[in-house]
Amino acid sequence: MLVLFGLEVPLAAIAGFTSAGVAAAAAFMVWLQWRERQLRQDDVLRWANDVIRNLQTLYLTLFLGDAAFDKASSRAALAQIAVDTSVLVEQGRLFFRNTPDPSYGAHRHPAYRGYRPMILDPVVVAHQIACQWDGAAEEERDRMLVVAEDCVRRFVSMAQREVGRSRTAHEDSALKGEGEPLDKLLAQVKPEKLAALRTNARLSL
């Protein structure tokens, strides 16, 4: 028995309070760690979305070319991508540290020593393509286009492993896709749907 503030408190009760306090503190620490991981994942997701937007915009700008963009618009888009991808590389260093190697880059600032993480490679390459496209020869541009598409797919694959969900919210979302080409889907459109579409278009005039 222990006397606290003039009251007799059984030792068993004190032990129970102590255990409860320790458990609460442990639970709070676990929550803080989970919250920190969640905030970091949210930040990485936002960063990854910005990277995907830039890489896909680069690919489409190069692929569609004069068919969709005039020269001035294309050059302006590439200039913006060059700036954005450079910034995204530096932002990515906050989330993904270089692989240490005392024999490589030892003279550099700490964040740049060793080897750059693989997930940043497609972003760096996209930046280089955006900078060099205007002065590239036709064959080199063809090669750049192939590399630009590969950059998108490589990055999305790595980002999916980093921040993608391991399970979907509903099982239907995880079902195998049909993979039907556009020409097949167009052929499947029924005449009555086309007629209804044309009728609705006339009524809206």
N, C-alpha and C. Protein backbone atom coordinates (compact mmCIF):
# COMPACT_ATOMS: atom_id res chain seq x y z
N MET A 1 0.86 -1.19 0.00
CA MET A 1 0.00 0.00 0.00
C MET A 1 0.89 1.24 0.00
N LEU A 2 0.50 2.24 -0.80
CA LEU A 2 1.26 3.48 -0.90
C LEU A 2 0.32 4.64 -0.63
N VAL A 3 0.81 5.62 0.12
CA VAL A 3 -0.01 6.78 0.45
C VAL A 3 0.35 7.92 -0.50
N LEU A 4 -0.64 8.40 -1.24
CA LEU A 4 -0.45 9.53 -2.16
C LEU A 4 -1.49 10.59 -1.84
N PHE A 5 -1.01 11.80 -1.51
CA PHE A 5 -1.90 12.91 -1.20
C PHE A 5 -2.90 12.52 -0.10
N GLY A 6 -2.40 11.77 0.86
CA GLY A 6 -3.23 11.39 1.99
C GLY A 6 -4.15 10.22 1.73
N LEU A 7 -4.07 9.64 0.56
CA LEU A 7 -4.92 8.51 0.21
C LEU A 7 -4.07 7.26 0.07
N GLU A 8 -4.60 6.15 0.56
CA GLU A 8 -3.90 4.88 0.42
C GLU A 8 -4.25 4.26 -0.94
N VAL A 9 -3.23 4.04 -1.74
CA VAL A 9 -3.43 3.49 -3.09
C VAL A 9 -2.74 2.14 -3.15
N PRO A 10 -3.47 1.09 -3.50
CA PRO A 10 -2.85 -0.23 -3.61
C PRO A 10 -1.75 -0.24 -4.67
N LEU A 11 -0.70 -0.99 -4.38
CA LEU A 11 0.41 -1.09 -5.34
C LEU A 11 -0.05 -1.67 -6.67
N ALA A 12 -1.02 -2.57 -6.62
CA ALA A 12 -1.53 -3.16 -7.85
C ALA A 12 -2.17 -2.10 -8.74
N ALA A 13 -2.86 -1.13 -8.10
CA ALA A 13 -3.49 -0.06 -8.88
C ALA A 13 -2.43 0.83 -9.51
N ILE A 14 -1.36 1.12 -8.73
CA ILE A 14 -0.27 1.93 -9.28
C ILE A 14 0.38 1.23 -10.47
N ALA A 15 0.59 -0.08 -10.33
CA ALA A 15 1.18 -0.84 -11.42
C ALA A 15 0.28 -0.81 -12.65
N GLY A 16 -1.04 -0.88 -12.41
CA GLY A 16 -1.99 -0.83 -13.53
C GLY A 16 -1.96 0.51 -14.23
N PHE A 17 -1.92 1.62 -13.43
CA PHE A 17 -1.84 2.95 -14.02
C PHE A 17 -0.55 3.12 -14.81
N THR A 18 0.54 2.62 -14.24
CA THR A 18 1.83 2.74 -14.92
C THR A 18 1.82 1.99 -16.25
N SER A 19 1.28 0.77 -16.24
CA SER A 19 1.21 -0.02 -17.47
C SER A 19 0.35 0.67 -18.52
N ALA A 20 -0.77 1.24 -18.05
CA ALA A 20 -1.66 1.94 -18.98
C ALA A 20 -0.97 3.16 -19.58
N GLY A 21 -0.21 3.88 -18.74
CA GLY A 21 0.51 5.04 -19.23
C GLY A 21 1.57 4.67 -20.25
N VAL A 22 2.31 3.60 -19.96
CA VAL A 22 3.33 3.14 -20.90
C VAL A 22 2.70 2.71 -22.22
N ALA A 23 1.57 1.99 -22.13
CA ALA A 23 0.88 1.54 -23.34
C ALA A 23 0.38 2.72 -24.16
N ALA A 24 -0.16 3.75 -23.46
CA ALA A 24 -0.65 4.93 -24.16
C ALA A 24 0.49 5.67 -24.85
N ALA A 25 1.62 5.79 -24.15
CA ALA A 25 2.78 6.46 -24.74
C ALA A 25 3.30 5.69 -25.95
N ALA A 26 3.33 4.36 -25.84
CA ALA A 26 3.79 3.54 -26.96
C ALA A 26 2.85 3.68 -28.16
N ALA A 27 1.54 3.69 -27.87
CA ALA A 27 0.56 3.84 -28.95
C ALA A 27 0.70 5.20 -29.62
N PHE A 28 0.97 6.23 -28.82
CA PHE A 28 1.15 7.57 -29.38
C PHE A 28 2.38 7.63 -30.27
N MET A 29 3.46 7.00 -29.85
CA MET A 29 4.68 6.98 -30.65
C MET A 29 4.46 6.23 -31.96
N VAL A 30 3.73 5.13 -31.89
CA VAL A 30 3.41 4.37 -33.11
C VAL A 30 2.59 5.23 -34.06
N TRP A 31 1.61 5.97 -33.51
CA TRP A 31 0.78 6.84 -34.34
C TRP A 31 1.61 7.93 -34.99
N LEU A 32 2.53 8.52 -34.22
CA LEU A 32 3.39 9.57 -34.77
C LEU A 32 4.23 9.03 -35.92
N GLN A 33 4.78 7.82 -35.75
CA GLN A 33 5.59 7.22 -36.81
C GLN A 33 4.74 6.94 -38.05
N TRP A 34 3.52 6.43 -37.83
CA TRP A 34 2.62 6.16 -38.95
C TRP A 34 2.26 7.45 -39.66
N ARG A 35 1.99 8.49 -38.88
CA ARG A 35 1.61 9.78 -39.46
C ARG A 35 2.75 10.35 -40.27
N GLU A 36 3.97 10.23 -39.78
CA GLU A 36 5.13 10.73 -40.51
C GLU A 36 5.30 9.99 -41.83
N ARG A 37 5.13 8.67 -41.79
CA ARG A 37 5.23 7.89 -43.03
C ARG A 37 4.14 8.27 -44.01
N GLN A 38 2.92 8.50 -43.49
CA GLN A 38 1.80 8.85 -44.35
C GLN A 38 2.02 10.20 -45.01
N LEU A 39 2.49 11.18 -44.24
CA LEU A 39 2.76 12.50 -44.79
C LEU A 39 3.84 12.43 -45.86
N ARG A 40 4.88 11.64 -45.61
CA ARG A 40 5.95 11.49 -46.59
C ARG A 40 5.42 10.84 -47.85
N GLN A 41 4.58 9.81 -47.70
CA GLN A 41 4.03 9.15 -48.88
C GLN A 41 3.16 10.11 -49.69
N ASP A 42 2.39 10.95 -49.00
CA ASP A 42 1.56 11.94 -49.69
C ASP A 42 2.43 12.92 -50.47
N ASP A 43 3.53 13.35 -49.86
CA ASP A 43 4.45 14.27 -50.54
C ASP A 43 5.08 13.61 -51.76
N VAL A 44 5.49 12.36 -51.61
CA VAL A 44 6.09 11.64 -52.74
C VAL A 44 5.07 11.44 -53.85
N LEU A 45 3.82 11.17 -53.49
CA LEU A 45 2.77 10.99 -54.48
C LEU A 45 2.55 12.26 -55.29
N ARG A 46 2.50 13.41 -54.60
CA ARG A 46 2.33 14.68 -55.32
C ARG A 46 3.51 14.92 -56.25
N TRP A 47 4.71 14.65 -55.75
CA TRP A 47 5.91 14.82 -56.58
C TRP A 47 5.86 13.90 -57.78
N ALA A 48 5.50 12.64 -57.57
CA ALA A 48 5.44 11.67 -58.67
C ALA A 48 4.41 12.07 -59.71
N ASN A 49 3.27 12.61 -59.28
CA ASN A 49 2.26 13.06 -60.23
C ASN A 49 2.78 14.20 -61.09
N ASP A 50 3.53 15.12 -60.49
CA ASP A 50 4.12 16.22 -61.26
C ASP A 50 5.13 15.69 -62.27
N VAL A 51 5.92 14.70 -61.86
CA VAL A 51 6.89 14.11 -62.78
C VAL A 51 6.17 13.45 -63.95
N ILE A 52 5.14 12.66 -63.66
CA ILE A 52 4.40 11.97 -64.72
C ILE A 52 3.80 12.96 -65.70
N ARG A 53 3.24 14.04 -65.18
CA ARG A 53 2.66 15.06 -66.06
C ARG A 53 3.72 15.63 -67.01
N ASN A 54 4.90 15.91 -66.49
CA ASN A 54 5.96 16.46 -67.33
C ASN A 54 6.49 15.45 -68.34
N LEU A 55 6.70 14.21 -67.91
CA LEU A 55 7.24 13.20 -68.82
C LEU A 55 6.24 12.88 -69.93
N GLN A 56 4.97 12.77 -69.57
CA GLN A 56 3.96 12.46 -70.59
C GLN A 56 3.75 13.65 -71.52
N THR A 57 3.79 14.86 -70.97
CA THR A 57 3.68 16.06 -71.81
C THR A 57 4.84 16.14 -72.79
N LEU A 58 6.03 15.81 -72.33
CA LEU A 58 7.19 15.79 -73.22
C LEU A 58 6.98 14.80 -74.35
N TYR A 59 6.57 13.59 -74.01
CA TYR A 59 6.38 12.56 -75.03
C TYR A 59 5.32 12.98 -76.05
N LEU A 60 4.18 13.48 -75.58
CA LEU A 60 3.11 13.86 -76.49
C LEU A 60 3.50 15.06 -77.35
N THR A 61 4.23 16.00 -76.77
CA THR A 61 4.69 17.16 -77.54
C THR A 61 5.59 16.72 -78.68
N LEU A 62 6.48 15.78 -78.41
CA LEU A 62 7.39 15.29 -79.45
C LEU A 62 6.66 14.39 -80.43
N PHE A 63 5.76 13.55 -79.95
CA PHE A 63 5.08 12.58 -80.80
C PHE A 63 4.09 13.26 -81.75
N LEU A 64 3.29 14.18 -81.23
CA LEU A 64 2.29 14.85 -82.06
C LEU A 64 2.92 15.90 -82.97
N GLY A 65 3.94 16.58 -82.48
CA GLY A 65 4.71 17.51 -83.29
C GLY A 65 3.86 18.56 -83.98
N ASP A 66 4.16 18.77 -85.28
CA ASP A 66 3.49 19.82 -86.05
C ASP A 66 2.01 19.54 -86.25
N ALA A 67 1.59 18.29 -86.07
CA ALA A 67 0.18 17.95 -86.27
C ALA A 67 -0.70 18.58 -85.19
N ALA A 68 -0.13 18.89 -84.05
CA ALA A 68 -0.93 19.43 -82.94
C ALA A 68 -0.43 20.78 -82.44
N PHE A 69 0.85 21.08 -82.66
CA PHE A 69 1.43 22.31 -82.11
C PHE A 69 2.15 23.10 -83.19
N ASP A 70 2.02 24.42 -83.12
CA ASP A 70 2.87 25.24 -83.97
C ASP A 70 4.25 25.32 -83.32
N LYS A 71 5.22 25.78 -84.08
CA LYS A 71 6.61 25.73 -83.62
C LYS A 71 6.80 26.53 -82.33
N ALA A 72 6.17 27.69 -82.26
CA ALA A 72 6.33 28.54 -81.07
C ALA A 72 5.77 27.86 -79.82
N SER A 73 4.60 27.25 -79.97
CA SER A 73 3.98 26.56 -78.82
C SER A 73 4.82 25.38 -78.37
N SER A 74 5.34 24.64 -79.35
CA SER A 74 6.17 23.48 -79.04
C SER A 74 7.44 23.89 -78.29
N ARG A 75 8.09 24.94 -78.78
CA ARG A 75 9.32 25.40 -78.13
C ARG A 75 9.03 25.91 -76.72
N ALA A 76 7.90 26.60 -76.56
CA ALA A 76 7.54 27.10 -75.23
C ALA A 76 7.26 25.95 -74.27
N ALA A 77 6.59 24.91 -74.77
CA ALA A 77 6.30 23.74 -73.93
C ALA A 77 7.58 23.04 -73.52
N LEU A 78 8.51 22.88 -74.46
CA LEU A 78 9.77 22.21 -74.15
C LEU A 78 10.60 23.03 -73.16
N ALA A 79 10.56 24.35 -73.31
CA ALA A 79 11.29 25.20 -72.37
C ALA A 79 10.74 25.06 -70.96
N GLN A 80 9.41 25.01 -70.85
CA GLN A 80 8.80 24.85 -69.53
C GLN A 80 9.11 23.48 -68.93
N ILE A 81 9.10 22.45 -69.78
CA ILE A 81 9.43 21.11 -69.30
C ILE A 81 10.88 21.05 -68.83
N ALA A 82 11.77 21.73 -69.55
CA ALA A 82 13.18 21.76 -69.15
C ALA A 82 13.34 22.35 -67.76
N VAL A 83 12.61 23.43 -67.49
CA VAL A 83 12.67 24.06 -66.17
C VAL A 83 12.05 23.15 -65.11
N ASP A 84 10.85 22.65 -65.40
CA ASP A 84 10.12 21.85 -64.41
C ASP A 84 10.86 20.57 -64.05
N THR A 85 11.41 19.88 -65.05
CA THR A 85 12.11 18.63 -64.76
C THR A 85 13.38 18.87 -63.96
N SER A 86 14.05 19.99 -64.21
CA SER A 86 15.23 20.32 -63.41
C SER A 86 14.85 20.51 -61.94
N VAL A 87 13.76 21.22 -61.72
CA VAL A 87 13.28 21.44 -60.35
C VAL A 87 12.85 20.11 -59.71
N LEU A 88 12.18 19.27 -60.48
CA LEU A 88 11.70 18.00 -59.95
C LEU A 88 12.84 17.06 -59.57
N VAL A 89 13.93 17.13 -60.30
CA VAL A 89 15.10 16.32 -59.93
C VAL A 89 15.60 16.75 -58.56
N GLU A 90 15.72 18.05 -58.34
CA GLU A 90 16.22 18.54 -57.05
C GLU A 90 15.24 18.23 -55.92
N GLN A 91 13.94 18.35 -56.21
CA GLN A 91 12.94 18.00 -55.19
C GLN A 91 13.00 16.50 -54.87
N GLY A 92 13.24 15.71 -55.89
CA GLY A 92 13.32 14.26 -55.69
C GLY A 92 14.45 13.86 -54.78
N ARG A 93 15.49 14.66 -54.74
CA ARG A 93 16.63 14.34 -53.86
C ARG A 93 16.23 14.41 -52.38
N LEU A 94 15.16 15.14 -52.08
CA LEU A 94 14.69 15.20 -50.69
C LEU A 94 14.12 13.86 -50.24
N PHE A 95 13.54 13.12 -51.18
CA PHE A 95 12.90 11.85 -50.85
C PHE A 95 13.82 10.65 -51.07
N PHE A 96 14.72 10.77 -52.04
CA PHE A 96 15.55 9.62 -52.43
C PHE A 96 17.02 10.04 -52.39
N ARG A 97 17.74 9.50 -51.44
CA ARG A 97 19.15 9.85 -51.26
C ARG A 97 20.03 9.11 -52.26
N ASN A 98 21.16 9.72 -52.57
CA ASN A 98 22.15 9.05 -53.42
C ASN A 98 22.68 7.79 -52.75
N THR A 99 23.08 6.82 -53.58
CA THR A 99 23.74 5.63 -53.06
C THR A 99 25.17 6.00 -52.70
N PRO A 100 25.58 5.86 -51.45
CA PRO A 100 26.93 6.30 -51.04
C PRO A 100 28.03 5.53 -51.76
N ASP A 101 29.07 6.26 -52.12
CA ASP A 101 30.28 5.66 -52.70
C ASP A 101 31.42 6.63 -52.45
N PRO A 102 32.34 6.29 -51.55
CA PRO A 102 33.42 7.22 -51.19
C PRO A 102 34.34 7.57 -52.35
N SER A 103 34.31 6.76 -53.40
CA SER A 103 35.20 7.01 -54.54
C SER A 103 34.54 7.82 -55.65
N TYR A 104 33.26 8.17 -55.47
CA TYR A 104 32.56 8.90 -56.54
C TYR A 104 31.88 10.14 -55.97
N GLY A 105 32.29 11.29 -56.46
CA GLY A 105 31.66 12.54 -56.06
C GLY A 105 31.98 12.99 -54.65
N ALA A 106 33.11 12.57 -54.12
CA ALA A 106 33.45 12.91 -52.73
C ALA A 106 33.63 14.42 -52.54
N HIS A 107 33.96 15.14 -53.60
CA HIS A 107 34.21 16.58 -53.51
C HIS A 107 32.92 17.40 -53.56
N ARG A 108 31.81 16.75 -53.84
CA ARG A 108 30.54 17.47 -54.01
C ARG A 108 29.88 17.74 -52.66
N HIS A 109 28.79 18.53 -52.73
CA HIS A 109 27.98 18.76 -51.53
C HIS A 109 27.35 17.43 -51.10
N PRO A 110 27.04 17.28 -49.82
CA PRO A 110 26.58 15.98 -49.29
C PRO A 110 25.44 15.33 -50.07
N ALA A 111 24.46 16.10 -50.49
CA ALA A 111 23.30 15.51 -51.18
C ALA A 111 23.65 14.97 -52.56
N TYR A 112 24.83 15.33 -53.07
CA TYR A 112 25.20 14.96 -54.44
C TYR A 112 26.33 13.94 -54.48
N ARG A 113 26.78 13.49 -53.35
CA ARG A 113 27.87 12.51 -53.32
C ARG A 113 27.33 11.11 -53.60
N GLY A 114 28.13 10.30 -54.25
CA GLY A 114 27.69 8.95 -54.59
C GLY A 114 26.87 8.96 -55.86
N TYR A 115 26.07 7.92 -56.04
CA TYR A 115 25.32 7.74 -57.28
C TYR A 115 23.86 8.13 -57.11
N ARG A 116 23.36 8.83 -58.11
CA ARG A 116 21.97 9.28 -58.11
C ARG A 116 21.02 8.08 -58.07
N PRO A 117 19.90 8.18 -57.31
CA PRO A 117 18.94 7.08 -57.26
C PRO A 117 18.29 6.84 -58.62
N MET A 118 18.02 5.59 -58.92
CA MET A 118 17.52 5.20 -60.23
C MET A 118 16.20 5.88 -60.59
N ILE A 119 15.36 6.15 -59.60
CA ILE A 119 14.06 6.73 -59.88
C ILE A 119 14.16 8.14 -60.47
N LEU A 120 15.31 8.79 -60.26
CA LEU A 120 15.50 10.13 -60.82
C LEU A 120 16.06 10.10 -62.24
N ASP A 121 16.57 8.96 -62.67
CA ASP A 121 17.18 8.88 -64.00
C ASP A 121 16.24 9.29 -65.13
N PRO A 122 14.99 8.78 -65.18
CA PRO A 122 14.10 9.20 -66.27
C PRO A 122 13.81 10.69 -66.27
N VAL A 123 13.80 11.31 -65.10
CA VAL A 123 13.53 12.75 -65.02
C VAL A 123 14.71 13.53 -65.59
N VAL A 124 15.92 13.08 -65.27
CA VAL A 124 17.12 13.72 -65.79
C VAL A 124 17.18 13.59 -67.31
N VAL A 125 16.88 12.40 -67.82
CA VAL A 125 16.92 12.17 -69.26
C VAL A 125 15.87 13.04 -69.96
N ALA A 126 14.67 13.14 -69.38
CA ALA A 126 13.63 13.99 -69.96
C ALA A 126 14.08 15.44 -70.02
N HIS A 127 14.75 15.89 -68.99
CA HIS A 127 15.30 17.25 -68.98
C HIS A 127 16.30 17.44 -70.13
N GLN A 128 17.16 16.47 -70.33
CA GLN A 128 18.15 16.56 -71.39
C GLN A 128 17.50 16.58 -72.77
N ILE A 129 16.47 15.76 -72.95
CA ILE A 129 15.76 15.74 -74.24
C ILE A 129 15.11 17.08 -74.51
N ALA A 130 14.44 17.64 -73.51
CA ALA A 130 13.77 18.93 -73.67
C ALA A 130 14.77 20.03 -74.04
N CYS A 131 15.97 19.95 -73.49
CA CYS A 131 17.00 20.95 -73.77
C CYS A 131 17.62 20.77 -75.15
N GLN A 132 17.76 19.54 -75.62
CA GLN A 132 18.51 19.25 -76.84
C GLN A 132 17.65 19.03 -78.08
N TRP A 133 16.34 18.95 -77.92
CA TRP A 133 15.46 18.61 -79.04
C TRP A 133 15.57 19.61 -80.18
N ASP A 134 15.57 20.87 -79.88
CA ASP A 134 15.53 21.90 -80.93
C ASP A 134 16.72 21.81 -81.87
N GLY A 135 17.89 21.42 -81.37
CA GLY A 135 19.07 21.36 -82.22
C GLY A 135 19.40 19.98 -82.72
N ALA A 136 18.51 19.01 -82.50
CA ALA A 136 18.80 17.62 -82.88
C ALA A 136 18.43 17.35 -84.34
N ALA A 137 19.18 16.44 -84.98
CA ALA A 137 18.87 16.01 -86.34
C ALA A 137 17.66 15.09 -86.33
N GLU A 138 17.11 14.82 -87.52
CA GLU A 138 15.87 14.04 -87.60
C GLU A 138 16.01 12.64 -87.00
N GLU A 139 17.09 11.94 -87.34
CA GLU A 139 17.27 10.59 -86.80
C GLU A 139 17.45 10.62 -85.29
N GLU A 140 18.17 11.62 -84.81
CA GLU A 140 18.36 11.75 -83.37
C GLU A 140 17.04 12.04 -82.67
N ARG A 141 16.18 12.81 -83.33
CA ARG A 141 14.86 13.10 -82.75
C ARG A 141 14.03 11.82 -82.65
N ASP A 142 14.13 10.97 -83.67
CA ASP A 142 13.40 9.70 -83.62
C ASP A 142 13.85 8.88 -82.41
N ARG A 143 15.15 8.87 -82.18
CA ARG A 143 15.67 8.13 -81.04
C ARG A 143 15.22 8.76 -79.72
N MET A 144 15.22 10.09 -79.68
CA MET A 144 14.77 10.79 -78.48
C MET A 144 13.31 10.47 -78.17
N LEU A 145 12.50 10.36 -79.22
CA LEU A 145 11.08 10.05 -79.02
C LEU A 145 10.90 8.69 -78.37
N VAL A 146 11.67 7.71 -78.84
CA VAL A 146 11.60 6.37 -78.25
C VAL A 146 12.05 6.40 -76.79
N VAL A 147 13.13 7.13 -76.53
CA VAL A 147 13.65 7.23 -75.17
C VAL A 147 12.66 7.96 -74.26
N ALA A 148 12.00 9.00 -74.80
CA ALA A 148 11.03 9.76 -74.01
C ALA A 148 9.86 8.88 -73.57
N GLU A 149 9.40 8.03 -74.48
CA GLU A 149 8.31 7.11 -74.12
C GLU A 149 8.77 6.12 -73.05
N ASP A 150 9.99 5.64 -73.20
CA ASP A 150 10.54 4.70 -72.22
C ASP A 150 10.68 5.36 -70.85
N CYS A 151 11.02 6.64 -70.83
CA CYS A 151 11.16 7.37 -69.56
C CYS A 151 9.84 7.38 -68.80
N VAL A 152 8.75 7.62 -69.52
CA VAL A 152 7.44 7.63 -68.87
C VAL A 152 7.15 6.28 -68.22
N ARG A 153 7.34 5.23 -68.99
CA ARG A 153 6.98 3.89 -68.50
C ARG A 153 7.89 3.43 -67.36
N ARG A 154 9.17 3.75 -67.47
CA ARG A 154 10.09 3.37 -66.40
C ARG A 154 9.74 4.09 -65.11
N PHE A 155 9.48 5.38 -65.22
CA PHE A 155 9.19 6.14 -64.00
C PHE A 155 7.89 5.69 -63.37
N VAL A 156 6.84 5.51 -64.18
CA VAL A 156 5.55 5.08 -63.62
C VAL A 156 5.70 3.74 -62.92
N SER A 157 6.48 2.84 -63.50
CA SER A 157 6.68 1.52 -62.90
C SER A 157 7.37 1.64 -61.54
N MET A 158 8.39 2.49 -61.45
CA MET A 158 9.09 2.67 -60.18
C MET A 158 8.23 3.41 -59.16
N ALA A 159 7.51 4.45 -59.62
CA ALA A 159 6.66 5.22 -58.71
C ALA A 159 5.51 4.37 -58.18
N GLN A 160 5.00 3.48 -59.01
CA GLN A 160 3.91 2.60 -58.56
C GLN A 160 4.37 1.72 -57.40
N ARG A 161 5.59 1.21 -57.50
CA ARG A 161 6.13 0.40 -56.40
C ARG A 161 6.36 1.24 -55.15
N GLU A 162 6.65 2.52 -55.35
CA GLU A 162 6.96 3.40 -54.23
C GLU A 162 5.71 3.86 -53.49
N VAL A 163 4.68 4.27 -54.22
CA VAL A 163 3.50 4.87 -53.58
C VAL A 163 2.19 4.21 -53.97
N GLY A 164 2.21 3.26 -54.90
CA GLY A 164 0.97 2.62 -55.32
C GLY A 164 0.40 1.72 -54.24
N ARG A 165 -0.90 1.54 -54.26
CA ARG A 165 -1.56 0.69 -53.27
C ARG A 165 -1.34 -0.78 -53.63
N SER A 166 -1.14 -1.59 -52.61
CA SER A 166 -0.96 -3.02 -52.84
C SER A 166 -2.29 -3.71 -53.12
N ARG A 167 -3.40 -3.08 -52.65
CA ARG A 167 -4.73 -3.63 -52.90
C ARG A 167 -5.66 -2.52 -53.34
N THR A 168 -6.64 -2.86 -54.17
CA THR A 168 -7.61 -1.87 -54.61
C THR A 168 -8.77 -1.82 -53.61
N ALA A 169 -9.51 -0.70 -53.65
CA ALA A 169 -10.65 -0.56 -52.73
C ALA A 169 -11.78 -1.52 -53.09
N HIS A 170 -11.89 -1.88 -54.35
CA HIS A 170 -12.91 -2.83 -54.79
C HIS A 170 -12.27 -3.83 -55.72
N GLU A 171 -12.69 -5.08 -55.62
CA GLU A 171 -12.05 -6.15 -56.39
C GLU A 171 -12.21 -5.96 -57.90
N ASP A 172 -13.29 -5.29 -58.34
CA ASP A 172 -13.49 -5.09 -59.77
C ASP A 172 -12.38 -4.26 -60.40
N SER A 173 -11.81 -3.34 -59.60
CA SER A 173 -10.75 -2.47 -60.13
C SER A 173 -9.50 -3.26 -60.48
N ALA A 174 -9.34 -4.42 -59.88
CA ALA A 174 -8.13 -5.23 -60.11
C ALA A 174 -8.32 -6.30 -61.17
N LEU A 175 -9.53 -6.37 -61.75
CA LEU A 175 -9.77 -7.37 -62.78
C LEU A 175 -8.94 -7.09 -64.02
N LYS A 176 -8.66 -8.14 -64.76
CA LYS A 176 -7.86 -8.00 -65.99
C LYS A 176 -8.61 -7.15 -67.01
N GLY A 177 -7.92 -6.15 -67.57
CA GLY A 177 -8.53 -5.29 -68.58
C GLY A 177 -8.73 -6.02 -69.90
N GLU A 178 -9.65 -5.50 -70.71
CA GLU A 178 -9.94 -6.13 -72.00
C GLU A 178 -8.85 -5.85 -73.03
N GLY A 179 -8.26 -4.66 -72.96
CA GLY A 179 -7.20 -4.31 -73.91
C GLY A 179 -7.67 -4.19 -75.34
N GLU A 180 -8.94 -3.81 -75.53
CA GLU A 180 -9.48 -3.73 -76.89
C GLU A 180 -8.97 -2.47 -77.59
N PRO A 181 -8.53 -2.60 -78.85
CA PRO A 181 -8.06 -1.43 -79.60
C PRO A 181 -9.22 -0.52 -79.98
N LEU A 182 -8.90 0.74 -80.27
CA LEU A 182 -9.93 1.73 -80.57
C LEU A 182 -10.77 1.33 -81.79
N ASP A 183 -10.12 0.81 -82.85
CA ASP A 183 -10.88 0.48 -84.06
C ASP A 183 -11.95 -0.57 -83.79
N LYS A 184 -11.66 -1.51 -82.88
CA LYS A 184 -12.65 -2.53 -82.53
C LYS A 184 -13.81 -1.92 -81.75
N LEU A 185 -13.50 -1.00 -80.83
CA LEU A 185 -14.55 -0.34 -80.06
C LEU A 185 -15.42 0.53 -80.95
N LEU A 186 -14.81 1.20 -81.93
CA LEU A 186 -15.59 2.02 -82.86
C LEU A 186 -16.54 1.16 -83.68
N ALA A 187 -16.07 -0.03 -84.08
CA ALA A 187 -16.91 -0.93 -84.88
C ALA A 187 -18.09 -1.47 -84.07
N GLN A 188 -17.97 -1.47 -82.75
CA GLN A 188 -19.02 -2.01 -81.89
C GLN A 188 -20.12 -1.00 -81.58
N VAL A 189 -19.93 0.26 -81.97
CA VAL A 189 -20.95 1.28 -81.71
C VAL A 189 -22.19 0.97 -82.55
N LYS A 190 -23.34 0.87 -81.91
CA LYS A 190 -24.57 0.49 -82.60
C LYS A 190 -25.17 1.68 -83.35
N PRO A 191 -25.79 1.41 -84.52
CA PRO A 191 -26.37 2.49 -85.34
C PRO A 191 -27.39 3.34 -84.58
N GLU A 192 -28.19 2.70 -83.70
CA GLU A 192 -29.19 3.47 -82.97
C GLU A 192 -28.57 4.49 -82.02
N LYS A 193 -27.39 4.17 -81.50
CA LYS A 193 -26.70 5.13 -80.64
C LYS A 193 -26.20 6.32 -81.46
N LEU A 194 -25.72 6.04 -82.68
CA LEU A 194 -25.29 7.13 -83.56
C LEU A 194 -26.47 8.01 -83.92
N ALA A 195 -27.62 7.38 -84.22
CA ALA A 195 -28.81 8.14 -84.57
C ALA A 195 -29.26 9.02 -83.41
N ALA A 196 -29.23 8.46 -82.19
CA ALA A 196 -29.62 9.23 -81.01
C ALA A 196 -28.66 10.39 -80.78
N LEU A 197 -27.38 10.16 -81.03
CA LEU A 197 -26.38 11.21 -80.86
C LEU A 197 -26.64 12.36 -81.82
N ARG A 198 -26.94 12.02 -83.08
CA ARG A 198 -27.20 13.06 -84.09
C ARG A 198 -28.49 13.81 -83.79
N THR A 199 -29.49 13.09 -83.28
CA THR A 199 -30.75 13.74 -82.91
C THR A 199 -30.54 14.73 -81.78
N ASN A 200 -29.80 14.32 -80.77
CA ASN A 200 -29.51 15.20 -79.64
C ASN A 200 -28.71 16.41 -80.08
N ALA A 201 -27.81 16.21 -81.05
CA ALA A 201 -27.01 17.33 -81.55
C ALA A 201 -27.89 18.35 -82.25
N ARG A 202 -28.90 17.86 -83.03
CA ARG A 202 -29.80 18.78 -83.73
C ARG A 202 -30.69 19.53 -82.74
N LEU A 203 -31.13 18.83 -81.69
CA LEU A 203 -32.01 19.46 -80.71
C LEU A 203 -31.29 20.53 -79.90
N SER A 204 -29.99 20.39 -79.79
CA SER A 204 -29.23 21.36 -78.99
C SER A 204 -28.93 22.63 -79.76
N LEU A 205 -29.18 22.63 -81.08
CA LEU A 205 -28.90 23.83 -81.88
C LEU A 205 -29.97 24.89 -81.67
